């Protein structure tokens, strides 16, 4: 099958389950939903899901680019108008669909969208100048550690393996463009790009703020009031010791330089832990503290 023969055989709008008038955002939303459902990581060994995933990726590739979508829509219009017929190279033959007058599909591409000019007898020659290959779309799921630390990985796209290195700090929903990893070019043209959309899983302990990691650490009331040294977990390696200044409020952020991922910082948020149960001795001390606090202005009066 030549690079565009599937344009005549496949309704890419139906593949994504959208109308022919769907907006760019609607196409993207439909693709993301189907790609997540059909991704090989979620359907190991399911060949049917794998084939549908490839079809969905191909549909997104064609419909997400405005110029390519315009060309595809024109092909659909010509097909509905009966411009195509099955020639010697059609079903059962060695080639693909032909236009009336034996004009090949690739010649039509050149004629409609900037390819070679007509040959003698009113037929277009098969010669075209170099043309870049189409871009491809793919989806990759990452765990939190790999996303913040970066990794080398190999993905399968269109039946072939593509090796790439993802930089540290990629984010959920981000799209990485891999130059020259798309479909091969035509007549010596450059290969297209691979647009790799990323999904990053959440971490049970850590979050992210820009390039820095975030974590929340509980402290006691007395540690917050009197000050203390505490330990905070890190993503990889030993914990880090931090000084909690006396009089720290809940929500105060302490910064551990270079203890995040890939040389960035770790932001530690203090959370004052309130015990659900106290002993009788603790209760007696707290009641004494409450009496002393009554001699001081209420914090609610100072707002």
C-alpha atoms as a PDB file:
ATOM      1  CA  UNK A   1       0.000   0.000   0.000  1.00  0.00           C
ATOM      2  CA  UNK A   2       1.417   3.411  -0.928  1.00  0.00           C
ATOM      3  CA  UNK A   3       1.676   6.151   1.667  1.00  0.00           C
ATOM      4  CA  UNK A   4      -1.829   7.520   0.976  1.00  0.00           C
ATOM      5  CA  UNK A   5      -3.820   4.569  -0.333  1.00  0.00           C
ATOM      6  CA  UNK A   6      -5.499   4.129   3.034  1.00  0.00           C
ATOM      7  CA  UNK A   7      -7.049   7.592   2.516  1.00  0.00           C
ATOM      8  CA  UNK A   8      -9.347   5.961  -0.042  1.00  0.00           C
ATOM      9  CA  UNK A   9     -10.133   2.927   2.074  1.00  0.00           C
ATOM     10  CA  UNK A  10     -10.558   4.316   5.584  1.00  0.00           C
ATOM     11  CA  UNK A  11     -12.975   6.795   7.140  1.00  0.00           C
ATOM     12  CA  UNK A  12     -10.668   8.287   9.759  1.00  0.00           C
ATOM     13  CA  UNK A  13     -13.533  10.271  11.270  1.00  0.00           C
ATOM     14  CA  UNK A  14     -15.385   7.012  11.944  1.00  0.00           C
ATOM     15  CA  UNK A  15     -12.224   5.473  13.423  1.00  0.00           C
ATOM     16  CA  UNK A  16     -12.128   8.243  16.035  1.00  0.00           C
ATOM     17  CA  UNK A  17     -15.896   8.349  16.405  1.00  0.00           C
ATOM     18  CA  UNK A  18     -16.220  12.034  15.481  1.00  0.00           C
ATOM     19  CA  UNK A  19     -18.097  13.875  12.751  1.00  0.00           C
ATOM     20  CA  UNK A  20     -16.455  15.275   9.631  1.00  0.00           C
ATOM     21  CA  UNK A  21     -17.025  18.767  11.072  1.00  0.00           C
ATOM     22  CA  UNK A  22     -15.352  18.001  14.400  1.00  0.00           C
ATOM     23  CA  UNK A  23     -13.014  20.704  15.708  1.00  0.00           C
ATOM     24  CA  UNK A  24      -9.312  20.161  16.289  1.00  0.00           C
ATOM     25  CA  UNK A  25      -9.925  19.915  20.051  1.00  0.00           C
ATOM     26  CA  UNK A  26     -12.684  17.335  19.539  1.00  0.00           C
ATOM     27  CA  UNK A  27     -10.367  15.226  17.383  1.00  0.00           C
ATOM     28  CA  UNK A  28      -7.621  15.447  19.978  1.00  0.00           C
ATOM     29  CA  UNK A  29      -9.983  14.587  22.844  1.00  0.00           C
ATOM     30  CA  UNK A  30     -11.379  11.558  21.005  1.00  0.00           C
ATOM     31  CA  UNK A  31      -7.882  10.329  20.195  1.00  0.00           C
ATOM     32  CA  UNK A  32      -6.643  10.675  23.776  1.00  0.00           C
ATOM     33  CA  UNK A  33      -9.632   8.729  25.131  1.00  0.00           C
ATOM     34  CA  UNK A  34      -9.215   5.866  22.643  1.00  0.00           C
ATOM     35  CA  UNK A  35      -5.431   5.805  22.916  1.00  0.00           C
ATOM     36  CA  UNK A  36      -5.618   5.366  26.675  1.00  0.00           C
ATOM     37  CA  UNK A  37      -8.201   2.559  26.353  1.00  0.00           C
ATOM     38  CA  UNK A  38      -6.382   0.711  23.565  1.00  0.00           C
ATOM     39  CA  UNK A  39      -2.735   1.277  24.509  1.00  0.00           C
ATOM     40  CA  UNK A  40      -0.725  -1.989  24.459  1.00  0.00           C
ATOM     41  CA  UNK A  41       0.400  -1.372  28.049  1.00  0.00           C
ATOM     42  CA  UNK A  42      -3.242  -1.727  29.135  1.00  0.00           C
ATOM     43  CA  UNK A  43      -4.012  -4.602  26.764  1.00  0.00           C
ATOM     44  CA  UNK A  44      -0.977  -6.915  26.763  1.00  0.00           C
ATOM     45  CA  UNK A  45      -1.273  -9.661  24.173  1.00  0.00           C
ATOM     46  CA  UNK A  46      -4.532  -8.304  22.721  1.00  0.00           C
ATOM     47  CA  UNK A  47      -3.852  -8.162  18.977  1.00  0.00           C
ATOM     48  CA  UNK A  48      -7.247  -6.667  18.178  1.00  0.00           C
ATOM     49  CA  UNK A  49      -6.646  -3.785  20.601  1.00  0.00           C
ATOM     50  CA  UNK A  50      -3.163  -3.316  19.157  1.00  0.00           C
ATOM     51  CA  UNK A  51      -4.515  -3.029  15.612  1.00  0.00           C
ATOM     52  CA  UNK A  52      -7.215  -0.583  16.701  1.00  0.00           C
ATOM     53  CA  UNK A  53      -4.567   1.452  18.527  1.00  0.00           C
ATOM     54  CA  UNK A  54      -2.574   1.664  15.285  1.00  0.00           C
ATOM     55  CA  UNK A  55      -5.696   2.699  13.358  1.00  0.00           C
ATOM     56  CA  UNK A  56      -6.561   5.367  15.925  1.00  0.00           C
ATOM     57  CA  UNK A  57      -2.992   6.713  15.813  1.00  0.00           C
ATOM     58  CA  UNK A  58      -3.103   6.862  12.009  1.00  0.00           C
ATOM     59  CA  UNK A  59      -6.443   8.694  12.099  1.00  0.00           C
ATOM     60  CA  UNK A  60      -5.082  11.250  14.566  1.00  0.00           C
ATOM     61  CA  UNK A  61      -1.988  11.696  12.388  1.00  0.00           C
ATOM     62  CA  UNK A  62      -4.129  12.631   9.373  1.00  0.00           C
ATOM     63  CA  UNK A  63      -6.866  14.673  11.074  1.00  0.00           C
ATOM     64  CA  UNK A  64      -4.796  16.629  13.601  1.00  0.00           C
ATOM     65  CA  UNK A  65      -2.812  18.490  10.940  1.00  0.00           C
ATOM     66  CA  UNK A  66      -4.908  21.144   9.207  1.00  0.00           C
ATOM     67  CA  UNK A  67      -3.163  20.845   5.832  1.00  0.00           C
ATOM     68  CA  UNK A  68      -3.242  17.051   5.792  1.00  0.00           C
ATOM     69  CA  UNK A  69      -6.880  17.019   6.884  1.00  0.00           C
ATOM     70  CA  UNK A  70      -7.785  19.398   4.045  1.00  0.00           C
ATOM     71  CA  UNK A  71      -6.110  17.075   1.532  1.00  0.00           C
ATOM     72  CA  UNK A  72      -7.873  14.065   3.031  1.00  0.00           C
ATOM     73  CA  UNK A  73     -11.267  15.789   2.888  1.00  0.00           C
ATOM     74  CA  UNK A  74     -10.681  16.623  -0.785  1.00  0.00           C
ATOM     75  CA  UNK A  75      -9.907  12.971  -1.470  1.00  0.00           C
ATOM     76  CA  UNK A  76     -13.138  11.937   0.215  1.00  0.00           C
ATOM     77  CA  UNK A  77     -15.069  14.424  -1.900  1.00  0.00           C
ATOM     78  CA  UNK A  78     -13.486  13.138  -5.114  1.00  0.00           C
ATOM     79  CA  UNK A  79     -14.226   9.576  -4.090  1.00  0.00           C
ATOM     80  CA  UNK A  80     -17.875  10.367  -3.440  1.00  0.00           C
ATOM     81  CA  UNK A  81     -18.050  12.045  -6.866  1.00  0.00           C
ATOM     82  CA  UNK A  82     -16.867   8.822  -8.523  1.00  0.00           C
ATOM     83  CA  UNK A  83     -13.397  10.068  -9.455  1.00  0.00           C
ATOM     84  CA  UNK A  84     -11.809   6.728  -8.537  1.00  0.00           C
ATOM     85  CA  UNK A  85     -12.112   3.362 -10.193  1.00  0.00           C
ATOM     86  CA  UNK A  86     -10.376   0.047  -9.691  1.00  0.00           C
ATOM     87  CA  UNK A  87      -7.710  -0.428 -12.367  1.00  0.00           C
ATOM     88  CA  UNK A  88      -5.342  -3.290 -13.122  1.00  0.00           C
ATOM     89  CA  UNK A  89      -3.553  -2.555  -9.914  1.00  0.00           C
ATOM     90  CA  UNK A  90      -6.744  -2.678  -7.801  1.00  0.00           C
ATOM     91  CA  UNK A  91      -8.163  -5.645  -5.938  1.00  0.00           C
ATOM     92  CA  UNK A  92      -6.444  -8.784  -7.138  1.00  0.00           C
ATOM     93  CA  UNK A  93      -3.768  -6.767  -8.938  1.00  0.00           C
ATOM     94  CA  UNK A  94      -0.342  -5.559  -7.961  1.00  0.00           C
ATOM     95  CA  UNK A  95      -1.072  -1.892  -7.420  1.00  0.00           C
ATOM     96  CA  UNK A  96      -3.734   0.322  -5.825  1.00  0.00           C
ATOM     97  CA  UNK A  97      -6.752   2.402  -6.814  1.00  0.00           C
ATOM     98  CA  UNK A  98      -6.501   4.455  -9.997  1.00  0.00           C
ATOM     99  CA  UNK A  99      -8.228   7.542 -11.298  1.00  0.00           C
ATOM    100  CA  UNK A 100     -10.242   7.502 -14.474  1.00  0.00           C
ATOM    101  CA  UNK A 101      -7.741   8.012 -17.273  1.00  0.00           C
ATOM    102  CA  UNK A 102      -5.144   5.861 -15.501  1.00  0.00           C
ATOM    103  CA  UNK A 103      -3.884   8.686 -13.293  1.00  0.00           C
ATOM    104  CA  UNK A 104      -2.265   7.141 -10.246  1.00  0.00           C
ATOM    105  CA  UNK A 105      -3.132   8.196  -6.686  1.00  0.00           C
ATOM    106  CA  UNK A 106       0.329   9.577  -6.036  1.00  0.00           C
ATOM    107  CA  UNK A 107       0.057  11.606  -9.268  1.00  0.00           C
ATOM    108  CA  UNK A 108      -3.222  13.036  -7.985  1.00  0.00           C
ATOM    109  CA  UNK A 109      -1.449  14.102  -4.812  1.00  0.00           C
ATOM    110  CA  UNK A 110       1.144  15.926  -6.835  1.00  0.00           C
ATOM    111  CA  UNK A 111      -1.453  17.573  -9.064  1.00  0.00           C
ATOM    112  CA  UNK A 112      -3.741  18.728  -6.257  1.00  0.00           C
ATOM    113  CA  UNK A 113      -1.166  19.746  -3.693  1.00  0.00           C
ATOM    114  CA  UNK A 114       1.946  20.936  -5.438  1.00  0.00           C
ATOM    115  CA  UNK A 115       3.572  17.898  -7.048  1.00  0.00           C
ATOM    116  CA  UNK A 116       4.800  17.329 -10.609  1.00  0.00           C
ATOM    117  CA  UNK A 117       3.128  18.852 -13.648  1.00  0.00           C
ATOM    118  CA  UNK A 118       1.322  17.116 -16.496  1.00  0.00           C
ATOM    119  CA  UNK A 119       3.065  14.849 -19.003  1.00  0.00           C
ATOM    120  CA  UNK A 120       2.287  14.388 -22.695  1.00  0.00           C
ATOM    121  CA  UNK A 121      -1.234  13.369 -23.695  1.00  0.00           C
ATOM    122  CA  UNK A 122      -2.744  15.117 -20.697  1.00  0.00           C
ATOM    123  CA  UNK A 123      -1.550  12.440 -18.237  1.00  0.00           C
ATOM    124  CA  UNK A 124       0.618  13.334 -15.303  1.00  0.00           C
ATOM    125  CA  UNK A 125       4.009  11.739 -15.031  1.00  0.00           C
ATOM    126  CA  UNK A 126       4.815   9.659 -11.987  1.00  0.00           C
ATOM    127  CA  UNK A 127       7.826  11.835 -11.181  1.00  0.00           C
ATOM    128  CA  UNK A 128       7.570  14.085  -8.137  1.00  0.00           C
ATOM    129  CA  UNK A 129      10.093  16.126  -6.274  1.00  0.00           C
ATOM    130  CA  UNK A 130      11.280  15.193  -2.766  1.00  0.00           C
ATOM    131  CA  UNK A 131       8.478  15.288  -0.212  1.00  0.00           C
ATOM    132  CA  UNK A 132       8.718  14.893   3.561  1.00  0.00           C
ATOM    133  CA  UNK A 133       7.088  11.859   5.113  1.00  0.00           C
ATOM    134  CA  UNK A 134       3.990  12.211   7.302  1.00  0.00           C
ATOM    135  CA  UNK A 135       4.273  12.668  11.046  1.00  0.00           C
ATOM    136  CA  UNK A 136       3.237   9.806  13.308  1.00  0.00           C
ATOM    137  CA  UNK A 137       1.403   9.889  16.650  1.00  0.00           C
ATOM    138  CA  UNK A 138       2.124   7.581  19.591  1.00  0.00           C
ATOM    139  CA  UNK A 139       1.328   7.389  23.302  1.00  0.00           C
ATOM    140  CA  UNK A 140       3.678   6.400  26.129  1.00  0.00           C
ATOM    141  CA  UNK A 141       2.827   5.772  29.785  1.00  0.00           C
ATOM    142  CA  UNK A 142       5.534   6.577  32.349  1.00  0.00           C
ATOM    143  CA  UNK A 143       5.834   6.119  36.066  1.00  0.00           C
ATOM    144  CA  UNK A 144       6.588   9.152  38.213  1.00  0.00           C
ATOM    145  CA  UNK A 145      10.266   8.352  38.847  1.00  0.00           C
ATOM    146  CA  UNK A 146      11.097   7.896  35.151  1.00  0.00           C
ATOM    147  CA  UNK A 147       9.313  11.131  34.257  1.00  0.00           C
ATOM    148  CA  UNK A 148      11.236  13.295  36.723  1.00  0.00           C
ATOM    149  CA  UNK A 149      14.571  11.514  36.266  1.00  0.00           C
ATOM    150  CA  UNK A 150      14.553  10.891  32.497  1.00  0.00           C
ATOM    151  CA  UNK A 151      15.148   7.572  30.775  1.00  0.00           C
ATOM    152  CA  UNK A 152      16.103   5.782  27.597  1.00  0.00           C
ATOM    153  CA  UNK A 153      13.328   3.650  26.155  1.00  0.00           C
ATOM    154  CA  UNK A 154      12.248   1.836  23.009  1.00  0.00           C
ATOM    155  CA  UNK A 155       8.711   2.153  21.691  1.00  0.00           C
ATOM    156  CA  UNK A 156       6.976   0.318  18.866  1.00  0.00           C
ATOM    157  CA  UNK A 157       5.359   2.552  16.247  1.00  0.00           C
ATOM    158  CA  UNK A 158       3.898   1.305  12.990  1.00  0.00           C
ATOM    159  CA  UNK A 159       5.484  -2.092  13.389  1.00  0.00           C
ATOM    160  CA  UNK A 160       8.993  -0.772  13.957  1.00  0.00           C
ATOM    161  CA  UNK A 161      10.993   0.023  17.066  1.00  0.00           C
ATOM    162  CA  UNK A 162      12.115   3.543  17.852  1.00  0.00           C
ATOM    163  CA  UNK A 163      14.764   4.163  20.500  1.00  0.00           C
ATOM    164  CA  UNK A 164      14.782   7.537  22.222  1.00  0.00           C
ATOM    165  CA  UNK A 165      15.854   9.295  25.376  1.00  0.00           C
ATOM    166  CA  UNK A 166      13.302  11.330  27.302  1.00  0.00           C
ATOM    167  CA  UNK A 167      14.731  14.291  29.224  1.00  0.00           C
ATOM    168  CA  UNK A 168      14.289  14.649  32.959  1.00  0.00           C
ATOM    169  CA  UNK A 169      11.205  16.565  34.019  1.00  0.00           C
ATOM    170  CA  UNK A 170       8.653  15.594  31.366  1.00  0.00           C
ATOM    171  CA  UNK A 171       5.050  16.114  32.465  1.00  0.00           C
ATOM    172  CA  UNK A 172       1.688  14.405  32.158  1.00  0.00           C
ATOM    173  CA  UNK A 173      -0.033  15.362  28.908  1.00  0.00           C
ATOM    174  CA  UNK A 174       3.166  16.725  27.355  1.00  0.00           C
ATOM    175  CA  UNK A 175       3.936  15.919  23.712  1.00  0.00           C
ATOM    176  CA  UNK A 176       7.546  15.300  22.691  1.00  0.00           C
ATOM    177  CA  UNK A 177       8.518  15.753  19.031  1.00  0.00           C
ATOM    178  CA  UNK A 178      11.101  13.232  17.838  1.00  0.00           C
ATOM    179  CA  UNK A 179      12.607  14.605  14.653  1.00  0.00           C
ATOM    180  CA  UNK A 180      12.921  12.204  11.736  1.00  0.00           C
ATOM    181  CA  UNK A 181      11.213   9.299  13.521  1.00  0.00           C
ATOM    182  CA  UNK A 182       7.994   9.426  11.468  1.00  0.00           C
ATOM    183  CA  UNK A 183       7.151   7.934   8.090  1.00  0.00           C
ATOM    184  CA  UNK A 184       9.918   7.833   5.443  1.00  0.00           C
ATOM    185  CA  UNK A 185      10.008  10.659   2.922  1.00  0.00           C
ATOM    186  CA  UNK A 186       9.088  10.338  -0.756  1.00  0.00           C
ATOM    187  CA  UNK A 187      11.696  10.577  -3.539  1.00  0.00           C
ATOM    188  CA  UNK A 188      14.506  11.328  -1.137  1.00  0.00           C
ATOM    189  CA  UNK A 189      12.557  13.715   1.051  1.00  0.00           C
ATOM    190  CA  UNK A 190      13.172  13.828   4.818  1.00  0.00           C
ATOM    191  CA  UNK A 191      11.320  11.523   7.182  1.00  0.00           C
ATOM    192  CA  UNK A 192       8.446  12.945   9.188  1.00  0.00           C
ATOM    193  CA  UNK A 193       8.453  13.385  12.953  1.00  0.00           C
ATOM    194  CA  UNK A 194       7.062  11.237  15.730  1.00  0.00           C
ATOM    195  CA  UNK A 195       4.770  13.109  18.140  1.00  0.00           C
ATOM    196  CA  UNK A 196       4.924  11.220  21.416  1.00  0.00           C
ATOM    197  CA  UNK A 197       2.178  12.049  23.910  1.00  0.00           C
ATOM    198  CA  UNK A 198       3.066  11.221  27.519  1.00  0.00           C
ATOM    199  CA  UNK A 199       0.976  10.038  30.454  1.00  0.00           C
ATOM    200  CA  UNK A 200       2.685  10.236  33.847  1.00  0.00           C
ATOM    201  CA  UNK A 201       1.355   8.285  36.811  1.00  0.00           C
ATOM    202  CA  UNK A 202       0.896  10.027  40.154  1.00  0.00           C
ATOM    203  CA  UNK A 203       3.202   9.220  43.094  1.00  0.00           C
ATOM    204  CA  UNK A 204       1.737   8.280  46.498  1.00  0.00           C
ATOM    205  CA  UNK A 205       4.179  10.537  48.379  1.00  0.00           C
ATOM    206  CA  UNK A 206       5.718  13.139  46.108  1.00  0.00           C
ATOM    207  CA  UNK A 207       4.320  15.842  43.879  1.00  0.00           C
ATOM    208  CA  UNK A 208       5.847  18.404  41.528  1.00  0.00           C
ATOM    209  CA  UNK A 209       6.068  22.177  41.363  1.00  0.00           C
ATOM    210  CA  UNK A 210       7.863  23.207  38.214  1.00  0.00           C
ATOM    211  CA  UNK A 211      11.107  21.215  38.189  1.00  0.00           C
ATOM    212  CA  UNK A 212      11.134  20.793  41.988  1.00  0.00           C
ATOM    213  CA  UNK A 213       9.685  17.879  43.948  1.00  0.00           C
ATOM    214  CA  UNK A 214       7.214  18.470  46.762  1.00  0.00           C
ATOM    215  CA  UNK A 215       6.417  16.444  49.858  1.00  0.00           C
ATOM    216  CA  UNK A 216       4.372  17.057  53.018  1.00  0.00           C
ATOM    217  CA  UNK A 217       5.807  16.084  56.407  1.00  0.00           C
ATOM    218  CA  UNK A 218       3.795  16.094  59.670  1.00  0.00           C
ATOM    219  CA  UNK A 219       5.209  17.707  62.812  1.00  0.00           C
ATOM    220  CA  UNK A 220       3.880  17.877  66.353  1.00  0.00           C
ATOM    221  CA  UNK A 221       2.468  21.028  67.916  1.00  0.00           C
ATOM    222  CA  UNK A 222       5.484  21.382  70.183  1.00  0.00           C
ATOM    223  CA  UNK A 223       7.907  20.915  67.258  1.00  0.00           C
ATOM    224  CA  UNK A 224       6.146  23.698  65.384  1.00  0.00           C
ATOM    225  CA  UNK A 225       6.121  26.033  68.423  1.00  0.00           C
ATOM    226  CA  UNK A 226       9.562  25.297  69.881  1.00  0.00           C
ATOM    227  CA  UNK A 227      11.397  24.364  66.702  1.00  0.00           C
ATOM    228  CA  UNK A 228      12.981  21.013  65.902  1.00  0.00           C
ATOM    229  CA  UNK A 229      15.065  19.014  63.473  1.00  0.00           C
ATOM    230  CA  UNK A 230      13.082  16.605  61.321  1.00  0.00           C
ATOM    231  CA  UNK A 231      13.785  14.104  58.569  1.00  0.00           C
ATOM    232  CA  UNK A 232      12.070  14.295  55.200  1.00  0.00           C
ATOM    233  CA  UNK A 233      12.025  11.481  52.607  1.00  0.00           C
ATOM    234  CA  UNK A 234      13.686  11.895  49.227  1.00  0.00           C
ATOM    235  CA  UNK A 235      12.759  10.229  45.972  1.00  0.00           C
ATOM    236  CA  UNK A 236      16.032   8.319  45.780  1.00  0.00           C
ATOM    237  CA  UNK A 237      18.654   7.925  48.455  1.00  0.00           C
ATOM    238  CA  UNK A 238      18.678   8.723  52.170  1.00  0.00           C
ATOM    239  CA  UNK A 239      16.310  11.116  53.889  1.00  0.00           C
ATOM    240  CA  UNK A 240      17.311  14.732  54.411  1.00  0.00           C
ATOM    241  CA  UNK A 241      17.468  16.524  57.793  1.00  0.00           C
ATOM    242  CA  UNK A 242      15.837  19.940  58.013  1.00  0.00           C
ATOM    243  CA  UNK A 243      15.508  22.528  60.769  1.00  0.00           C
ATOM    244  CA  UNK A 244      11.989  23.643  61.615  1.00  0.00           C
ATOM    245  CA  UNK A 245      12.262  27.208  62.977  1.00  0.00           C
ATOM    246  CA  UNK A 246      10.479  27.946  66.240  1.00  0.00           C
ATOM    247  CA  UNK A 247       7.011  29.371  65.682  1.00  0.00           C
ATOM    248  CA  UNK A 248       6.483  27.716  62.315  1.00  0.00           C
ATOM    249  CA  UNK A 249       2.924  27.739  61.053  1.00  0.00           C
ATOM    250  CA  UNK A 250       1.218  24.870  59.305  1.00  0.00           C
ATOM    251  CA  UNK A 251       1.884  25.123  55.579  1.00  0.00           C
ATOM    252  CA  UNK A 252       5.377  26.577  55.949  1.00  0.00           C
ATOM    253  CA  UNK A 253       7.670  25.352  53.155  1.00  0.00           C
ATOM    254  CA  UNK A 254      11.264  24.322  53.806  1.00  0.00           C
ATOM    255  CA  UNK A 255      13.634  24.011  50.840  1.00  0.00           C
ATOM    256  CA  UNK A 256      16.233  21.244  50.609  1.00  0.00           C
ATOM    257  CA  UNK A 257      18.665  22.404  47.916  1.00  0.00           C
ATOM    258  CA  UNK A 258      19.517  19.810  45.281  1.00  0.00           C
ATOM    259  CA  UNK A 259      17.617  16.995  47.003  1.00  0.00           C
ATOM    260  CA  UNK A 260      14.814  16.726  44.474  1.00  0.00           C
ATOM    261  CA  UNK A 261      15.223  14.971  41.126  1.00  0.00           C
ATOM    262  CA  UNK A 262      17.892  15.660  38.499  1.00  0.00           C
ATOM    263  CA  UNK A 263      19.645  18.169  40.781  1.00  0.00           C
ATOM    264  CA  UNK A 264      16.567  20.277  41.514  1.00  0.00           C
ATOM    265  CA  UNK A 265      15.208  21.106  44.970  1.00  0.00           C
ATOM    266  CA  UNK A 266      12.873  19.323  47.362  1.00  0.00           C
ATOM    267  CA  UNK A 267      10.110  21.510  48.826  1.00  0.00           C
ATOM    268  CA  UNK A 268       8.957  20.212  52.221  1.00  0.00           C
ATOM    269  CA  UNK A 269       5.612  21.500  53.509  1.00  0.00           C
ATOM    270  CA  UNK A 270       4.988  21.322  57.265  1.00  0.00           C
ATOM    271  CA  UNK A 271       1.679  19.905  58.413  1.00  0.00           C
ATOM    272  CA  UNK A 272       0.850  20.132  62.138  1.00  0.00           C
ATOM    273  CA  UNK A 273      -0.470  16.758  63.207  1.00  0.00           C
ATOM    274  CA  UNK A 274      -3.391  16.865  65.659  1.00  0.00           C
ATOM    275  CA  UNK A 275      -3.662  13.635  67.697  1.00  0.00           C
ATOM    276  CA  UNK A 276      -7.056  11.956  67.725  1.00  0.00           C
ATOM    277  CA  UNK A 277      -6.523  10.490  71.188  1.00  0.00           C
ATOM    278  CA  UNK A 278      -4.469  11.742  74.153  1.00  0.00           C
ATOM    279  CA  UNK A 279      -3.555  10.168  77.465  1.00  0.00           C
ATOM    280  CA  UNK A 280      -4.897  11.490  80.758  1.00  0.00           C
ATOM    281  CA  UNK A 281      -1.484  12.999  81.531  1.00  0.00           C
ATOM    282  CA  UNK A 282      -1.385  14.761  78.158  1.00  0.00           C
ATOM    283  CA  UNK A 283      -4.909  16.041  78.669  1.00  0.00           C
ATOM    284  CA  UNK A 284      -3.979  17.514  82.070  1.00  0.00           C
ATOM    285  CA  UNK A 285      -0.989  19.332  80.554  1.00  0.00           C
ATOM    286  CA  UNK A 286      -3.087  20.623  77.670  1.00  0.00           C
ATOM    287  CA  UNK A 287      -5.681  21.947  80.082  1.00  0.00           C
ATOM    288  CA  UNK A 288      -2.928  23.803  81.970  1.00  0.00           C
ATOM    289  CA  UNK A 289      -1.723  25.216  78.653  1.00  0.00           C
ATOM    290  CA  UNK A 290      -5.269  26.309  77.828  1.00  0.00           C
ATOM    291  CA  UNK A 291      -5.432  28.286  81.065  1.00  0.00           C
ATOM    292  CA  UNK A 292      -2.150  30.040  80.255  1.00  0.00           C
ATOM    293  CA  UNK A 293      -3.323  30.769  76.726  1.00  0.00           C
ATOM    294  CA  UNK A 294      -6.359  32.617  78.110  1.00  0.00           C
ATOM    295  CA  UNK A 295      -3.945  35.218  79.476  1.00  0.00           C
ATOM    296  CA  UNK A 296      -2.827  35.977  75.938  1.00  0.00           C
ATOM    297  CA  UNK A 297      -4.912  37.695  73.264  1.00  0.00           C
ATOM    298  CA  UNK A 298      -6.904  35.270  71.178  1.00  0.00           C
ATOM    299  CA  UNK A 299      -5.436  34.768  67.683  1.00  0.00           C
ATOM    300  CA  UNK A 300      -8.949  35.302  66.326  1.00  0.00           C
ATOM    301  CA  UNK A 301      -8.953  38.832  67.751  1.00  0.00           C
ATOM    302  CA  UNK A 302      -5.782  39.775  65.896  1.00  0.00           C
ATOM    303  CA  UNK A 303      -7.158  38.980  62.420  1.00  0.00           C
END
